């Protein structure tokens, strides 16, 4: 099962085959910013892939269009967490992501 380290916190999450990064985060109790609920329309879930981009699914036209109109339009490593599927280890940067605490409540 691929793992993704989310910086700057450094927390790690597991991603199942065929699952988007955001779906994996939600399944494990993480809080990941979104407005559209993971439909690839708002761009709020953007992140920057620091390492392991080769393990991410291809950027589809809809994701490309959403990224082009968002705040990361000039960042070629930007991806939407709700659209990318991960097949190997990856390191991403995204502030405002919260992993669950030991008690299961997001900080």
N, C-alpha and C. Protein backbone atom coordinates (compact mmCIF):
# COMPACT_ATOMS: atom_id res chain seq x y z
N UNK A 1 0.84 -1.17 0.00
CA UNK A 1 0.00 0.00 0.00
C UNK A 1 0.90 1.25 0.00
N UNK A 2 0.73 2.13 -0.97
CA UNK A 2 1.55 3.34 -1.02
C UNK A 2 1.32 4.26 0.18
N UNK A 3 2.36 4.98 0.54
CA UNK A 3 2.26 5.96 1.61
C UNK A 3 2.57 7.35 1.06
N UNK A 4 1.94 8.35 1.66
CA UNK A 4 2.17 9.74 1.29
C UNK A 4 2.51 10.52 2.56
N UNK A 5 3.66 11.18 2.55
CA UNK A 5 4.05 12.05 3.66
C UNK A 5 3.57 13.45 3.32
N UNK A 6 2.86 14.07 4.24
CA UNK A 6 2.31 15.40 4.03
C UNK A 6 3.11 16.40 4.86
N UNK A 7 3.81 17.29 4.17
CA UNK A 7 4.59 18.34 4.82
C UNK A 7 3.76 19.61 4.94
N UNK A 8 3.99 20.49 5.86
CA UNK A 8 5.15 20.53 6.74
C UNK A 8 5.04 19.67 7.99
N UNK A 9 3.86 19.15 8.30
CA UNK A 9 3.68 18.38 9.53
C UNK A 9 4.48 17.08 9.53
N UNK A 10 4.61 16.44 8.35
CA UNK A 10 5.35 15.20 8.26
C UNK A 10 4.53 13.96 8.55
N UNK A 11 3.23 14.11 8.74
CA UNK A 11 2.36 12.96 8.97
C UNK A 11 2.26 12.12 7.71
N UNK A 12 2.03 10.82 7.87
CA UNK A 12 1.99 9.88 6.76
C UNK A 12 0.62 9.21 6.71
N UNK A 13 0.09 9.07 5.49
CA UNK A 13 -1.16 8.33 5.32
C UNK A 13 -0.99 7.24 4.28
N UNK A 14 -1.83 6.21 4.39
CA UNK A 14 -1.82 5.08 3.47
C UNK A 14 -2.90 5.28 2.42
N UNK A 15 -2.57 4.96 1.17
CA UNK A 15 -3.53 5.11 0.07
C UNK A 15 -3.75 3.75 -0.57
N UNK A 16 -5.01 3.34 -0.65
CA UNK A 16 -5.33 2.07 -1.28
C UNK A 16 -5.35 2.20 -2.80
N UNK A 17 -5.17 1.10 -3.49
CA UNK A 17 -5.17 1.09 -4.95
C UNK A 17 -6.47 1.69 -5.49
N UNK A 18 -6.34 2.62 -6.44
CA UNK A 18 -7.49 3.23 -7.08
C UNK A 18 -8.16 4.33 -6.28
N UNK A 19 -7.64 4.65 -5.13
CA UNK A 19 -8.24 5.64 -4.24
C UNK A 19 -7.54 6.99 -4.43
N UNK A 20 -8.31 8.08 -4.42
CA UNK A 20 -7.69 9.40 -4.49
C UNK A 20 -7.03 9.70 -3.14
N UNK A 21 -6.08 10.60 -3.17
CA UNK A 21 -5.39 10.98 -1.94
C UNK A 21 -6.37 11.57 -0.93
N UNK A 22 -7.30 12.40 -1.40
CA UNK A 22 -8.28 12.98 -0.49
C UNK A 22 -9.20 11.91 0.11
N UNK A 23 -9.62 10.94 -0.69
CA UNK A 23 -10.46 9.86 -0.18
C UNK A 23 -9.72 9.07 0.90
N UNK A 24 -8.43 8.83 0.68
CA UNK A 24 -7.62 8.12 1.67
C UNK A 24 -7.52 8.93 2.96
N UNK A 25 -7.32 10.23 2.82
CA UNK A 25 -7.23 11.09 3.99
C UNK A 25 -8.54 11.08 4.78
N UNK A 26 -9.64 11.20 4.10
CA UNK A 26 -10.95 11.19 4.77
C UNK A 26 -11.20 9.84 5.45
N UNK A 27 -10.87 8.76 4.76
CA UNK A 27 -11.08 7.42 5.32
C UNK A 27 -10.32 7.25 6.63
N UNK A 28 -9.17 7.91 6.74
CA UNK A 28 -8.33 7.78 7.93
C UNK A 28 -8.56 8.90 8.95
N UNK A 29 -9.61 9.70 8.73
CA UNK A 29 -9.98 10.72 9.70
C UNK A 29 -9.27 12.05 9.59
N UNK A 30 -8.57 12.27 8.48
CA UNK A 30 -7.87 13.53 8.28
C UNK A 30 -8.87 14.61 7.86
N UNK A 31 -8.49 15.85 8.12
CA UNK A 31 -9.23 16.99 7.60
C UNK A 31 -8.40 17.60 6.47
N UNK A 32 -8.94 17.61 5.26
CA UNK A 32 -8.25 18.16 4.08
C UNK A 32 -9.16 19.24 3.50
N UNK A 33 -8.67 20.47 3.31
CA UNK A 33 -9.53 21.56 2.82
C UNK A 33 -10.21 21.23 1.49
N UNK A 34 -11.51 21.50 1.43
CA UNK A 34 -12.28 21.34 0.20
C UNK A 34 -13.57 22.15 0.30
N UNK A 35 -14.06 22.59 -0.81
CA UNK A 35 -15.35 23.27 -0.87
C UNK A 35 -16.33 22.40 -1.67
N UNK A 36 -15.85 21.82 -2.76
CA UNK A 36 -16.72 21.04 -3.65
C UNK A 36 -16.90 19.60 -3.21
N UNK A 37 -16.25 19.20 -2.14
CA UNK A 37 -16.41 17.84 -1.63
C UNK A 37 -15.63 16.78 -2.39
N UNK A 38 -14.64 17.20 -3.16
CA UNK A 38 -13.81 16.24 -3.88
C UNK A 38 -14.20 16.00 -5.32
N UNK A 39 -14.91 16.95 -5.91
CA UNK A 39 -15.34 16.81 -7.31
C UNK A 39 -14.38 17.43 -8.31
N UNK A 40 -13.27 17.99 -7.85
CA UNK A 40 -12.28 18.57 -8.75
C UNK A 40 -12.69 19.91 -9.32
N UNK A 41 -13.64 20.59 -8.69
CA UNK A 41 -14.16 21.83 -9.23
C UNK A 41 -13.66 23.09 -8.55
N UNK A 42 -13.33 23.02 -7.26
CA UNK A 42 -13.00 24.25 -6.52
C UNK A 42 -11.51 24.54 -6.47
N UNK A 43 -10.67 23.52 -6.49
CA UNK A 43 -9.23 23.72 -6.41
C UNK A 43 -8.71 23.92 -5.00
N UNK A 44 -9.58 23.89 -4.01
CA UNK A 44 -9.18 24.14 -2.63
C UNK A 44 -8.24 23.06 -2.08
N UNK A 45 -8.30 21.87 -2.60
CA UNK A 45 -7.49 20.76 -2.09
C UNK A 45 -6.11 20.67 -2.73
N UNK A 46 -5.70 21.71 -3.45
CA UNK A 46 -4.41 21.67 -4.14
C UNK A 46 -3.28 21.34 -3.17
N UNK A 47 -2.24 20.78 -3.73
CA UNK A 47 -1.02 20.47 -2.99
C UNK A 47 0.13 20.52 -3.98
N UNK A 48 1.34 20.52 -3.48
CA UNK A 48 2.53 20.49 -4.33
C UNK A 48 3.23 19.16 -4.12
N UNK A 49 3.47 18.44 -5.19
CA UNK A 49 4.16 17.15 -5.11
C UNK A 49 5.66 17.42 -5.09
N UNK A 50 6.30 17.12 -3.98
CA UNK A 50 7.73 17.36 -3.79
C UNK A 50 8.57 16.19 -4.30
N UNK A 51 8.10 14.98 -4.04
CA UNK A 51 8.80 13.76 -4.46
C UNK A 51 7.78 12.72 -4.86
N UNK A 52 8.13 11.90 -5.82
CA UNK A 52 7.28 10.78 -6.20
C UNK A 52 6.21 11.11 -7.21
N UNK A 53 6.37 12.20 -7.96
CA UNK A 53 5.36 12.57 -8.95
C UNK A 53 5.10 11.45 -9.95
N UNK A 54 6.12 10.65 -10.20
CA UNK A 54 5.96 9.54 -11.15
C UNK A 54 4.98 8.48 -10.64
N UNK A 55 4.65 8.54 -9.36
CA UNK A 55 3.69 7.60 -8.77
C UNK A 55 2.28 8.15 -8.74
N UNK A 56 2.07 9.32 -9.33
CA UNK A 56 0.74 9.91 -9.38
C UNK A 56 0.06 9.63 -10.71
N UNK A 57 -1.26 9.55 -10.68
CA UNK A 57 -2.01 9.36 -11.92
C UNK A 57 -1.83 10.56 -12.84
N UNK A 58 -2.14 10.39 -14.11
CA UNK A 58 -2.01 11.47 -15.08
C UNK A 58 -2.99 12.60 -14.76
N UNK A 59 -2.58 13.81 -15.09
CA UNK A 59 -3.46 14.96 -14.91
C UNK A 59 -4.48 14.97 -16.05
N UNK A 60 -5.75 14.87 -15.69
CA UNK A 60 -6.83 14.88 -16.68
C UNK A 60 -7.19 16.33 -17.00
N UNK A 61 -7.95 16.53 -18.07
CA UNK A 61 -8.31 17.87 -18.55
C UNK A 61 -9.05 18.68 -17.48
N UNK A 62 -9.97 18.06 -16.76
CA UNK A 62 -10.74 18.79 -15.75
C UNK A 62 -9.84 19.29 -14.62
N UNK A 63 -8.92 18.45 -14.17
CA UNK A 63 -7.98 18.87 -13.12
C UNK A 63 -7.09 19.99 -13.63
N UNK A 64 -6.59 19.85 -14.83
CA UNK A 64 -5.74 20.88 -15.43
C UNK A 64 -6.48 22.22 -15.49
N UNK A 65 -7.74 22.20 -15.90
CA UNK A 65 -8.54 23.44 -16.00
C UNK A 65 -8.75 24.07 -14.62
N UNK A 66 -9.03 23.26 -13.61
CA UNK A 66 -9.24 23.78 -12.26
C UNK A 66 -7.95 24.38 -11.72
N UNK A 67 -6.83 23.70 -11.92
CA UNK A 67 -5.55 24.23 -11.46
C UNK A 67 -5.18 25.52 -12.18
N UNK A 68 -5.50 25.62 -13.46
CA UNK A 68 -5.14 26.80 -14.26
C UNK A 68 -5.83 28.07 -13.78
N UNK A 69 -6.98 27.94 -13.15
CA UNK A 69 -7.69 29.13 -12.69
C UNK A 69 -7.50 29.40 -11.21
N UNK A 70 -6.68 28.58 -10.55
CA UNK A 70 -6.49 28.72 -9.11
C UNK A 70 -5.21 29.41 -8.73
N UNK A 71 -4.97 29.46 -7.43
CA UNK A 71 -3.82 30.17 -6.90
C UNK A 71 -2.49 29.47 -7.19
N UNK A 72 -2.51 28.24 -7.64
CA UNK A 72 -1.28 27.51 -7.97
C UNK A 72 -1.13 27.34 -9.49
N UNK A 73 -1.70 28.24 -10.26
CA UNK A 73 -1.66 28.14 -11.72
C UNK A 73 -0.24 28.13 -12.27
N UNK A 74 0.68 28.79 -11.60
CA UNK A 74 2.06 28.87 -12.08
C UNK A 74 2.99 27.83 -11.46
N UNK A 75 2.43 26.88 -10.74
CA UNK A 75 3.23 25.85 -10.07
C UNK A 75 3.04 24.53 -10.80
N UNK A 76 4.05 24.09 -11.58
CA UNK A 76 3.89 22.86 -12.37
C UNK A 76 3.77 21.59 -11.54
N UNK A 77 4.16 21.63 -10.28
CA UNK A 77 4.06 20.44 -9.42
C UNK A 77 2.73 20.37 -8.67
N UNK A 78 1.85 21.35 -8.89
CA UNK A 78 0.57 21.38 -8.18
C UNK A 78 -0.36 20.29 -8.70
N UNK A 79 -1.08 19.68 -7.78
CA UNK A 79 -2.09 18.66 -8.10
C UNK A 79 -3.27 18.84 -7.16
N UNK A 80 -4.40 18.27 -7.53
CA UNK A 80 -5.58 18.27 -6.66
C UNK A 80 -5.61 16.94 -5.91
N UNK A 81 -5.70 17.00 -4.60
CA UNK A 81 -5.73 15.78 -3.79
C UNK A 81 -6.95 14.93 -4.10
N UNK A 82 -8.03 15.56 -4.55
CA UNK A 82 -9.25 14.80 -4.84
C UNK A 82 -9.17 14.07 -6.18
N UNK A 83 -8.18 14.39 -6.99
CA UNK A 83 -8.08 13.78 -8.32
C UNK A 83 -6.92 12.82 -8.46
N UNK A 84 -5.84 13.07 -7.76
CA UNK A 84 -4.64 12.23 -7.92
C UNK A 84 -4.81 10.88 -7.23
N UNK A 85 -4.43 9.86 -7.93
CA UNK A 85 -4.38 8.50 -7.38
C UNK A 85 -2.90 8.13 -7.29
N UNK A 86 -2.52 7.48 -6.23
CA UNK A 86 -1.12 7.25 -5.91
C UNK A 86 -0.79 5.76 -6.01
N UNK A 87 0.30 5.45 -6.73
CA UNK A 87 0.70 4.05 -6.89
C UNK A 87 2.03 3.72 -6.22
N UNK A 88 2.66 4.70 -5.58
CA UNK A 88 3.94 4.48 -4.91
C UNK A 88 4.20 5.61 -3.93
N UNK A 89 5.34 5.58 -3.24
CA UNK A 89 5.62 6.58 -2.22
C UNK A 89 5.66 8.00 -2.79
N UNK A 90 5.16 8.93 -1.99
CA UNK A 90 5.08 10.32 -2.44
C UNK A 90 5.24 11.24 -1.23
N UNK A 91 5.79 12.42 -1.49
CA UNK A 91 5.87 13.47 -0.48
C UNK A 91 5.21 14.70 -1.07
N UNK A 92 4.26 15.28 -0.33
CA UNK A 92 3.55 16.46 -0.80
C UNK A 92 3.60 17.55 0.26
N UNK A 93 3.40 18.78 -0.17
CA UNK A 93 3.30 19.90 0.76
C UNK A 93 1.91 20.49 0.67
N UNK A 94 1.27 20.62 1.82
CA UNK A 94 -0.03 21.28 1.89
C UNK A 94 -0.29 21.67 3.34
N UNK A 95 -0.30 22.96 3.59
CA UNK A 95 -0.65 23.45 4.91
C UNK A 95 -2.15 23.29 5.11
N UNK A 96 -2.60 23.38 6.31
CA UNK A 96 -4.02 23.29 6.68
C UNK A 96 -4.58 21.88 6.61
N UNK A 97 -3.72 20.88 6.46
CA UNK A 97 -4.16 19.49 6.51
C UNK A 97 -3.94 19.02 7.94
N UNK A 98 -4.93 18.35 8.48
CA UNK A 98 -4.84 17.89 9.87
C UNK A 98 -5.04 16.39 9.95
N UNK A 99 -4.03 15.72 10.48
CA UNK A 99 -4.14 14.28 10.74
C UNK A 99 -4.90 14.10 12.05
N UNK A 100 -5.55 12.95 12.22
CA UNK A 100 -6.26 12.73 13.48
C UNK A 100 -5.29 12.60 14.65
N UNK A 101 -5.76 12.99 15.82
CA UNK A 101 -4.96 12.82 17.02
C UNK A 101 -5.11 11.38 17.50
N UNK A 102 -4.45 11.03 18.54
CA UNK A 102 -4.55 9.67 19.06
C UNK A 102 -5.97 9.33 19.50
N UNK A 103 -6.71 10.33 19.92
CA UNK A 103 -8.08 10.11 20.36
C UNK A 103 -9.04 10.03 19.18
N UNK A 104 -8.52 10.21 17.94
CA UNK A 104 -9.36 10.13 16.76
C UNK A 104 -10.02 11.43 16.37
N UNK A 105 -9.66 12.51 17.06
CA UNK A 105 -10.24 13.82 16.75
C UNK A 105 -9.17 14.65 16.06
N UNK A 106 -9.53 15.29 14.94
CA UNK A 106 -8.55 16.11 14.25
C UNK A 106 -8.22 17.34 15.08
N UNK A 107 -6.95 17.65 15.07
CA UNK A 107 -6.47 18.80 15.85
C UNK A 107 -6.84 20.11 15.19
